[in-house]
Amino acid sequence: MQQGREPMALQLPPPDPHEPSGLPSPGFALPAPMVVHVRGRPSARTERLCDAILDLRPGALIVLASD
């Protein structure tokens, strides 16, 4: 472990103005936050990052990264 460095804080950009906020569309609701990994099973690091993002912004997250 490196000494003298502080861990980086996770900072997301502001929400997209077209990203819905508030109430979901009528007739549609996710039972829980979800992640779709398009390129297959993610690494443990990627899974932790996705969990952190969904903690800040619950909803659906589509991940195109490959580890």
C-alpha atoms as a PDB file:
ATOM      1  CA  MET A   1       0.000   0.000   0.000  1.00  0.00           C
ATOM      2  CA  GLN A   2       1.300   3.439  -0.866  1.00  0.00           C
ATOM      3  CA  GLN A   3       1.772   5.856   1.968  1.00  0.00           C
ATOM      4  CA  GLY A   4       1.010   9.551   1.861  1.00  0.00           C
ATOM      5  CA  ARG A   5      -1.874   9.254  -0.587  1.00  0.00           C
ATOM      6  CA  GLU A   6      -5.520   9.646   0.257  1.00  0.00           C
ATOM      7  CA  PRO A   7      -8.021   7.297  -1.376  1.00  0.00           C
ATOM      8  CA  MET A   8      -9.823   8.805  -4.346  1.00  0.00           C
ATOM      9  CA  ALA A   9     -13.439   9.733  -3.722  1.00  0.00           C
ATOM     10  CA  LEU A  10     -15.997   8.447  -6.186  1.00  0.00           C
ATOM     11  CA  GLN A  11     -17.413  11.422  -8.059  1.00  0.00           C
ATOM     12  CA  LEU A  12     -20.108  11.064 -10.675  1.00  0.00           C
ATOM     13  CA  PRO A  13     -20.998  13.757 -13.174  1.00  0.00           C
ATOM     14  CA  PRO A  14     -24.294  15.580 -12.639  1.00  0.00           C
ATOM     15  CA  PRO A  15     -27.390  13.687 -13.825  1.00  0.00           C
ATOM     16  CA  ASP A  16     -28.236  13.935 -17.503  1.00  0.00           C
ATOM     17  CA  PRO A  17     -31.082  16.446 -17.969  1.00  0.00           C
ATOM     18  CA  HIS A  18     -32.935  13.722 -19.914  1.00  0.00           C
ATOM     19  CA  GLU A  19     -32.401  11.138 -17.162  1.00  0.00           C
ATOM     20  CA  PRO A  20     -35.748  10.647 -15.486  1.00  0.00           C
ATOM     21  CA  SER A  21     -35.893  11.494 -11.831  1.00  0.00           C
ATOM     22  CA  GLY A  22     -38.695  11.216  -9.368  1.00  0.00           C
ATOM     23  CA  LEU A  23     -41.573   8.929 -10.223  1.00  0.00           C
ATOM     24  CA  PRO A  24     -41.064   6.049 -12.673  1.00  0.00           C
ATOM     25  CA  SER A  25     -43.115   5.799 -15.849  1.00  0.00           C
ATOM     26  CA  PRO A  26     -46.657   4.521 -15.272  1.00  0.00           C
ATOM     27  CA  GLY A  27     -46.835   0.737 -15.469  1.00  0.00           C
ATOM     28  CA  PHE A  28     -43.073   0.242 -15.169  1.00  0.00           C
ATOM     29  CA  ALA A  29     -40.964  -0.167 -12.079  1.00  0.00           C
ATOM     30  CA  LEU A  30     -37.777  -2.038 -11.303  1.00  0.00           C
ATOM     31  CA  PRO A  31     -38.124  -4.210  -8.215  1.00  0.00           C
ATOM     32  CA  ALA A  32     -34.489  -3.393  -7.349  1.00  0.00           C
ATOM     33  CA  PRO A  33     -31.420  -1.724  -8.894  1.00  0.00           C
ATOM     34  CA  MET A  34     -29.934  -3.877 -11.642  1.00  0.00           C
ATOM     35  CA  VAL A  35     -26.747  -4.201 -13.690  1.00  0.00           C
ATOM     36  CA  VAL A  36     -26.427  -5.671 -17.189  1.00  0.00           C
ATOM     37  CA  HIS A  37     -22.877  -6.707 -18.137  1.00  0.00           C
ATOM     38  CA  VAL A  38     -22.927  -6.789 -21.946  1.00  0.00           C
ATOM     39  CA  ARG A  39     -19.481  -8.340 -22.372  1.00  0.00           C
ATOM     40  CA  GLY A  40     -19.777 -11.183 -19.888  1.00  0.00           C
ATOM     41  CA  ARG A  41     -18.939 -11.803 -16.271  1.00  0.00           C
ATOM     42  CA  PRO A  42     -17.230  -8.805 -14.629  1.00  0.00           C
ATOM     43  CA  SER A  43     -14.248  -8.791 -12.309  1.00  0.00           C
ATOM     44  CA  ALA A  44     -14.799  -8.347  -8.577  1.00  0.00           C
ATOM     45  CA  ARG A  45     -13.461  -4.779  -8.913  1.00  0.00           C
ATOM     46  CA  THR A  46     -16.025  -3.916 -11.595  1.00  0.00           C
ATOM     47  CA  GLU A  47     -18.830  -5.435  -9.519  1.00  0.00           C
ATOM     48  CA  ARG A  48     -17.823  -3.283  -6.526  1.00  0.00           C
ATOM     49  CA  LEU A  49     -17.756  -0.160  -8.708  1.00  0.00           C
ATOM     50  CA  CYS A  50     -21.208  -0.954 -10.125  1.00  0.00           C
ATOM     51  CA  ASP A  51     -22.575  -1.472  -6.607  1.00  0.00           C
ATOM     52  CA  ALA A  52     -21.161   1.907  -5.551  1.00  0.00           C
ATOM     53  CA  ILE A  53     -22.729   3.652  -8.562  1.00  0.00           C
ATOM     54  CA  LEU A  54     -26.120   2.058  -7.904  1.00  0.00           C
ATOM     55  CA  ASP A  55     -25.918   3.063  -4.237  1.00  0.00           C
ATOM     56  CA  LEU A  56     -25.661   6.685  -5.404  1.00  0.00           C
ATOM     57  CA  ARG A  57     -28.132   6.425  -8.297  1.00  0.00           C
ATOM     58  CA  PRO A  58     -30.458   3.414  -8.088  1.00  0.00           C
ATOM     59  CA  GLY A  59     -31.903   2.185 -11.364  1.00  0.00           C
ATOM     60  CA  ALA A  60     -30.598   0.196 -14.319  1.00  0.00           C
ATOM     61  CA  LEU A  61     -26.894   0.286 -15.202  1.00  0.00           C
ATOM     62  CA  ILE A  62     -25.591  -1.108 -18.495  1.00  0.00           C
ATOM     63  CA  VAL A  63     -21.872  -1.878 -18.422  1.00  0.00           C
ATOM     64  CA  LEU A  64     -19.905  -2.211 -21.667  1.00  0.00           C
ATOM     65  CA  ALA A  65     -16.449  -2.565 -20.081  1.00  0.00           C
ATOM     66  CA  SER A  66     -14.588  -5.849 -20.382  1.00  0.00           C
ATOM     67  CA  ASP A  67     -12.090  -6.874 -17.727  1.00  0.00           C
END
